[in-house]
Amino acid sequence: MKTIKELLDEVIDLEGKVQISQAIDFHKGVPTLEKGVYRHVSPMLKIRYGAFGKWINATHGDWLDTKEMESLWNEDEKDERLIGIVRDIKASKDYWEDHATGLFAPNRISIFAASDNGYEMICLIWFDGTEEPELWVYDCNGESRYKDLAAYLQAYIDDDVSASEVKWKLADM
């Protein structure tokens, strides 16, 4: 089984030229949607947040750093991208039946990734008695759920490999 670091490196390689910022301090933990509430950084997330900060145009939107996750609490946010993400979070909660943001208390949800111009989003769902949060992933095709970050990254890699194989086989015909 591949490590989280190996999986992250493979996904980054698949994406090509990426816009990643340096890692930032995350000693307070992972911010939830409830203002001032943080979750303990799980082992997989510790590697992810230790490797880099935000990742623009990543898988399922922009991967947020912990400072951006905190900024989702600000009523007077000035960054247009983050304002768009907050707008889409609220719309998903209000208008997307069975969306995680409407099913769980805000202190059980962290926004791992989101888009400011669509409904792509990855929610971390913090359940009691589990070390790693689940990832609930939303895009134009609906939703998918993964038991942890490793399962999500591996599924993403597998889908890309499958798509490449189909393109290669079609080119040979």
Protein backbone atom coordinates (compact mmCIF):
# COMPACT_ATOMS: atom_id res chain seq x y z
CA MET A 1 0.00 0.00 0.00
CA LYS A 2 1.29 3.45 -0.92
CA THR A 3 1.92 6.11 1.70
CA ILE A 4 -0.03 9.38 1.76
CA LYS A 5 3.11 11.20 0.59
CA GLU A 6 3.45 8.84 -2.39
CA LEU A 7 -0.24 9.22 -3.26
CA LEU A 8 -0.05 13.03 -3.02
CA ASP A 9 3.05 13.07 -5.22
CA GLU A 10 1.34 10.85 -7.80
CA VAL A 11 -1.78 13.01 -7.93
CA ILE A 12 0.34 16.15 -8.27
CA ASP A 13 2.29 14.50 -11.10
CA LEU A 14 -0.97 13.55 -12.85
CA GLU A 15 -2.19 17.13 -12.65
CA GLY A 16 0.91 18.52 -14.35
CA LYS A 17 1.86 22.12 -13.68
CA VAL A 18 0.33 22.96 -10.31
CA GLN A 19 -0.14 26.11 -8.25
CA ILE A 20 0.80 25.09 -4.73
CA SER A 21 1.75 27.41 -1.88
CA GLN A 22 4.15 26.66 0.94
CA ALA A 23 2.88 24.87 4.01
CA ILE A 24 1.69 27.13 6.82
CA ASP A 25 1.39 26.63 10.56
CA PHE A 26 -1.58 24.43 11.46
CA HIS A 27 -0.88 23.83 15.16
CA LYS A 28 -4.47 24.75 16.12
CA GLY A 29 -5.81 21.87 14.05
CA VAL A 30 -8.22 21.70 11.14
CA PRO A 31 -10.90 24.42 11.18
CA THR A 32 -14.52 23.29 10.95
CA LEU A 33 -17.46 25.29 9.64
CA GLU A 34 -18.24 26.30 13.24
CA LYS A 35 -16.34 29.46 14.05
CA GLY A 36 -13.49 28.85 16.49
CA VAL A 37 -13.81 25.04 16.44
CA TYR A 38 -10.87 22.96 15.29
CA ARG A 39 -10.41 19.21 14.91
CA HIS A 40 -7.23 17.36 15.85
CA VAL A 41 -5.03 16.89 12.78
CA SER A 42 -5.22 13.22 11.81
CA PRO A 43 -2.05 11.39 10.69
CA MET A 44 -2.99 11.59 6.97
CA LEU A 45 -3.95 15.26 7.15
CA LYS A 46 -0.76 16.05 9.06
CA ILE A 47 1.22 14.82 6.04
CA ARG A 48 -1.03 16.70 3.58
CA TYR A 49 -0.90 20.04 5.46
CA GLY A 50 2.81 19.58 6.20
CA ALA A 51 3.58 19.12 2.50
CA PHE A 52 2.01 22.32 1.15
CA GLY A 53 -0.60 25.01 1.82
CA LYS A 54 -3.29 25.71 -0.74
CA TRP A 55 -3.48 24.13 -4.16
CA ILE A 56 -5.33 26.18 -6.77
CA ASN A 57 -7.29 24.23 -9.41
CA ALA A 58 -6.65 20.92 -7.70
CA THR A 59 -8.92 17.91 -7.66
CA HIS A 60 -12.54 18.94 -6.98
CA GLY A 61 -11.82 22.64 -6.64
CA ASP A 62 -9.07 24.43 -4.76
CA TRP A 63 -7.53 22.61 -1.81
CA LEU A 64 -7.69 25.12 1.02
CA ASP A 65 -4.95 25.75 3.54
CA THR A 66 -5.98 26.07 7.18
CA LYS A 67 -5.86 29.89 7.11
CA GLU A 68 -8.32 29.92 4.19
CA MET A 69 -10.52 27.44 6.06
CA GLU A 70 -10.60 29.90 8.99
CA SER A 71 -11.43 32.77 6.63
CA LEU A 72 -14.70 31.02 5.73
CA TRP A 73 -15.93 32.28 9.13
CA ASN A 74 -15.37 35.96 8.25
CA GLU A 75 -18.45 37.96 7.40
CA ASP A 76 -16.28 40.73 5.92
CA GLU A 77 -13.97 38.58 3.77
CA LYS A 78 -12.44 40.58 0.91
CA ASP A 79 -11.01 37.77 -1.24
CA GLU A 80 -13.45 37.22 -4.14
CA ARG A 81 -12.47 33.57 -4.52
CA LEU A 82 -13.22 32.81 -0.87
CA ILE A 83 -16.46 34.84 -1.04
CA GLY A 84 -17.52 32.62 -3.96
CA ILE A 85 -16.66 29.49 -2.01
CA VAL A 86 -18.73 30.64 0.98
CA ARG A 87 -21.63 31.43 -1.37
CA ASP A 88 -21.47 27.92 -2.83
CA ILE A 89 -21.25 26.30 0.61
CA LYS A 90 -24.41 28.14 1.68
CA ALA A 91 -26.20 27.26 -1.57
CA SER A 92 -25.25 23.60 -1.20
CA LYS A 93 -26.58 23.57 2.36
CA ASP A 94 -29.84 25.25 1.38
CA TYR A 95 -30.57 23.69 -2.01
CA TRP A 96 -28.71 20.37 -2.38
CA GLU A 97 -30.74 17.65 -0.71
CA ASP A 98 -28.62 15.40 1.49
CA HIS A 99 -25.48 17.54 1.10
CA ALA A 100 -23.10 17.08 4.04
CA THR A 101 -23.36 20.77 4.93
CA GLY A 102 -27.08 20.29 5.59
CA LEU A 103 -26.83 16.88 7.25
CA PHE A 104 -24.17 17.45 9.90
CA ALA A 105 -23.52 20.03 12.59
CA PRO A 106 -20.97 22.65 11.51
CA ASN A 107 -18.46 21.39 14.10
CA ARG A 108 -18.36 18.03 12.27
CA ILE A 109 -17.54 19.47 8.83
CA SER A 110 -14.39 21.01 7.41
CA ILE A 111 -14.18 22.25 3.83
CA PHE A 112 -11.07 20.56 2.45
CA ALA A 113 -11.55 21.78 -1.12
CA ALA A 114 -14.07 23.90 -2.98
CA SER A 115 -14.62 25.87 -6.15
CA ASP A 116 -15.72 29.49 -6.29
CA ASN A 117 -17.54 29.02 -9.59
CA GLY A 118 -19.34 25.71 -9.25
CA TYR A 119 -20.34 23.08 -6.78
CA GLU A 120 -17.16 21.03 -6.70
CA MET A 121 -16.35 20.47 -3.06
CA ILE A 122 -14.68 18.06 -0.67
CA CYS A 123 -16.02 17.99 2.87
CA LEU A 124 -14.16 16.33 5.70
CA ILE A 125 -16.70 14.66 7.98
CA TRP A 126 -15.50 14.13 11.52
CA PHE A 127 -17.11 11.09 13.14
CA ASP A 128 -16.55 10.05 16.74
CA GLY A 129 -14.38 6.99 17.24
CA THR A 130 -12.46 7.28 13.97
CA GLU A 131 -8.93 8.56 13.56
CA GLU A 132 -9.37 9.89 10.02
CA PRO A 133 -12.29 11.98 8.72
CA GLU A 134 -14.33 10.71 5.79
CA LEU A 135 -14.21 12.66 2.54
CA TRP A 136 -17.56 13.48 0.92
CA VAL A 137 -16.84 14.65 -2.60
CA TYR A 138 -19.27 16.66 -4.75
CA ASP A 139 -19.15 17.54 -8.43
CA CYS A 140 -21.46 17.75 -11.45
CA ASN A 141 -21.86 13.96 -11.36
CA GLY A 142 -23.25 13.95 -7.82
CA GLU A 143 -21.41 12.73 -4.75
CA SER A 144 -18.89 10.11 -3.69
CA ARG A 145 -17.71 9.10 -0.25
CA TYR A 146 -14.30 7.86 0.83
CA LYS A 147 -13.25 6.44 4.19
CA ASP A 148 -10.13 8.64 4.31
CA LEU A 149 -7.72 10.75 2.28
CA ALA A 150 -5.75 7.71 1.07
CA ALA A 151 -8.90 6.08 -0.35
CA TYR A 152 -9.82 9.33 -2.14
CA LEU A 153 -6.36 9.82 -3.63
CA GLN A 154 -6.17 6.20 -4.79
CA ALA A 155 -9.62 6.43 -6.41
CA TYR A 156 -8.59 9.63 -8.17
CA ILE A 157 -5.42 7.97 -9.46
CA ASP A 158 -7.34 4.90 -10.61
CA ASP A 159 -9.90 7.01 -12.51
CA ASP A 160 -7.14 8.93 -14.31
CA VAL A 161 -5.35 5.72 -15.24
CA SER A 162 -8.60 4.25 -16.59
CA ALA A 163 -9.28 7.37 -18.66
CA SER A 164 -5.75 7.28 -20.09
CA GLU A 165 -6.10 3.62 -21.01
CA VAL A 166 -9.38 4.30 -22.85
CA LYS A 167 -7.79 7.17 -24.82
CA TRP A 168 -4.80 4.98 -25.67
CA LYS A 169 -7.01 2.09 -26.84
CA LEU A 170 -9.17 4.44 -28.95
CA ALA A 171 -6.07 5.88 -30.61
CA ASP A 172 -5.02 2.39 -31.70
CA MET A 173 -8.36 1.70 -33.45
